[in-house]
Amino acid sequence: MAHLRQYLLQMTKESSLLQVKSEIIFGFIRLNPKCKRADIEKSTKIPLGTLKRYLQELINQGRIKKVGPDKTGGYITSPRE
């Protein structure tokens, strides 16, 4: 039982950390419309691979949109946010 409690506590901490990072990225995009992935990476210090996952998650949630071409485009918040 103690192992289960410890596991659940760890999962809660990790989940909270994921939400914090996601909100940091979202906030950066909100303050810097049409920002590039490299700008977000440089400012937030979140590694590129991790950042790509968070960006895709935010897109899937409908919170942000990618604008412009794949290689040179940027990100904006969705109108409803």
C-alpha atoms as a PDB file:
ATOM      1  CA  MET A   1       0.000   0.000   0.000  1.00  0.00           C
ATOM      2  CA  ALA A   2       2.842   2.398   0.799  1.00  0.00           C
ATOM      3  CA  HIS A   3       4.360   1.745  -2.625  1.00  0.00           C
ATOM      4  CA  LEU A   4       1.075   2.599  -4.326  1.00  0.00           C
ATOM      5  CA  ARG A   5       0.767   5.822  -2.340  1.00  0.00           C
ATOM      6  CA  GLN A   6       4.351   6.766  -3.212  1.00  0.00           C
ATOM      7  CA  TYR A   7       3.728   5.966  -6.892  1.00  0.00           C
ATOM      8  CA  LEU A   8       0.550   8.079  -6.976  1.00  0.00           C
ATOM      9  CA  LEU A   9       2.326  10.981  -5.280  1.00  0.00           C
ATOM     10  CA  GLN A  10       5.133  10.835  -7.844  1.00  0.00           C
ATOM     11  CA  MET A  11       2.638  10.720 -10.723  1.00  0.00           C
ATOM     12  CA  THR A  12       0.837  13.776  -9.320  1.00  0.00           C
ATOM     13  CA  LYS A  13       4.109  15.703  -9.091  1.00  0.00           C
ATOM     14  CA  GLU A  14       5.039  14.774 -12.674  1.00  0.00           C
ATOM     15  CA  SER A  15       1.588  15.710 -13.932  1.00  0.00           C
ATOM     16  CA  SER A  16       1.816  19.088 -12.196  1.00  0.00           C
ATOM     17  CA  LEU A  17       5.234  19.712 -13.730  1.00  0.00           C
ATOM     18  CA  LEU A  18       3.870  18.909 -17.181  1.00  0.00           C
ATOM     19  CA  GLN A  19       1.047  21.399 -16.678  1.00  0.00           C
ATOM     20  CA  VAL A  20       3.477  24.091 -15.518  1.00  0.00           C
ATOM     21  CA  LYS A  21       5.718  23.646 -18.557  1.00  0.00           C
ATOM     22  CA  SER A  22       2.721  23.649 -20.862  1.00  0.00           C
ATOM     23  CA  GLU A  23       1.473  26.902 -19.330  1.00  0.00           C
ATOM     24  CA  ILE A  24       4.934  28.471 -19.626  1.00  0.00           C
ATOM     25  CA  ILE A  25       4.968  27.677 -23.346  1.00  0.00           C
ATOM     26  CA  PHE A  26       1.388  28.884 -23.801  1.00  0.00           C
ATOM     27  CA  GLY A  27       2.137  32.127 -21.954  1.00  0.00           C
ATOM     28  CA  PHE A  28       5.216  32.758 -24.074  1.00  0.00           C
ATOM     29  CA  ILE A  29       3.211  32.295 -27.266  1.00  0.00           C
ATOM     30  CA  ARG A  30       0.468  34.572 -25.979  1.00  0.00           C
ATOM     31  CA  LEU A  31       3.007  37.325 -25.271  1.00  0.00           C
ATOM     32  CA  ASN A  32       4.954  36.711 -28.494  1.00  0.00           C
ATOM     33  CA  PRO A  33       2.484  35.976 -31.322  1.00  0.00           C
ATOM     34  CA  LYS A  34       3.980  34.291 -34.400  1.00  0.00           C
ATOM     35  CA  CYS A  35       7.036  33.248 -32.404  1.00  0.00           C
ATOM     36  CA  LYS A  36       9.188  30.474 -33.802  1.00  0.00           C
ATOM     37  CA  ARG A  37       9.973  27.203 -32.096  1.00  0.00           C
ATOM     38  CA  ALA A  38      13.623  28.284 -31.717  1.00  0.00           C
ATOM     39  CA  ASP A  39      12.497  31.462 -29.901  1.00  0.00           C
ATOM     40  CA  ILE A  40      10.419  29.422 -27.466  1.00  0.00           C
ATOM     41  CA  GLU A  41      13.251  26.954 -26.898  1.00  0.00           C
ATOM     42  CA  LYS A  42      15.792  29.722 -26.261  1.00  0.00           C
ATOM     43  CA  SER A  43      13.559  31.644 -23.858  1.00  0.00           C
ATOM     44  CA  THR A  44      12.089  28.729 -21.902  1.00  0.00           C
ATOM     45  CA  LYS A  45      15.171  26.482 -21.891  1.00  0.00           C
ATOM     46  CA  ILE A  46      12.910  23.510 -22.659  1.00  0.00           C
ATOM     47  CA  PRO A  47      14.776  20.986 -24.862  1.00  0.00           C
ATOM     48  CA  LEU A  48      13.633  20.858 -28.493  1.00  0.00           C
ATOM     49  CA  GLY A  49      12.266  17.294 -28.398  1.00  0.00           C
ATOM     50  CA  THR A  50      10.248  18.029 -25.284  1.00  0.00           C
ATOM     51  CA  LEU A  51       9.095  21.354 -26.687  1.00  0.00           C
ATOM     52  CA  LYS A  52       7.818  19.687 -29.862  1.00  0.00           C
ATOM     53  CA  ARG A  53       5.664  17.337 -27.771  1.00  0.00           C
ATOM     54  CA  TYR A  54       4.229  20.187 -25.713  1.00  0.00           C
ATOM     55  CA  LEU A  55       3.503  22.264 -28.820  1.00  0.00           C
ATOM     56  CA  GLN A  56       1.703  19.343 -30.444  1.00  0.00           C
ATOM     57  CA  GLU A  57      -0.307  18.786 -27.267  1.00  0.00           C
ATOM     58  CA  LEU A  58      -1.334  22.461 -27.176  1.00  0.00           C
ATOM     59  CA  ILE A  59      -2.325  22.264 -30.859  1.00  0.00           C
ATOM     60  CA  ASN A  60      -4.366  19.105 -30.207  1.00  0.00           C
ATOM     61  CA  GLN A  61      -6.117  20.857 -27.313  1.00  0.00           C
ATOM     62  CA  GLY A  62      -6.986  23.743 -29.636  1.00  0.00           C
ATOM     63  CA  ARG A  63      -5.135  26.265 -27.468  1.00  0.00           C
ATOM     64  CA  ILE A  64      -2.584  27.300 -30.107  1.00  0.00           C
ATOM     65  CA  LYS A  65      -2.271  27.223 -33.887  1.00  0.00           C
ATOM     66  CA  LYS A  66       0.697  26.940 -36.213  1.00  0.00           C
ATOM     67  CA  VAL A  67       0.732  29.705 -38.821  1.00  0.00           C
ATOM     68  CA  GLY A  68       2.802  29.918 -41.964  1.00  0.00           C
ATOM     69  CA  PRO A  69       5.012  27.324 -43.650  1.00  0.00           C
ATOM     70  CA  ASP A  70       6.319  24.362 -41.656  1.00  0.00           C
ATOM     71  CA  LYS A  71       9.946  25.489 -41.652  1.00  0.00           C
ATOM     72  CA  THR A  72       9.485  29.237 -41.182  1.00  0.00           C
ATOM     73  CA  GLY A  73       6.082  29.513 -39.538  1.00  0.00           C
ATOM     74  CA  GLY A  74       5.286  30.455 -35.974  1.00  0.00           C
ATOM     75  CA  TYR A  75       2.650  29.883 -33.301  1.00  0.00           C
ATOM     76  CA  ILE A  76      -0.300  31.931 -32.118  1.00  0.00           C
ATOM     77  CA  THR A  77      -2.916  31.369 -29.450  1.00  0.00           C
ATOM     78  CA  SER A  78      -6.336  30.311 -30.635  1.00  0.00           C
ATOM     79  CA  PRO A  79      -8.996  33.045 -30.692  1.00  0.00           C
ATOM     80  CA  ARG A  80     -10.946  31.392 -27.866  1.00  0.00           C
ATOM     81  CA  GLU A  81      -7.977  31.604 -25.493  1.00  0.00           C
END
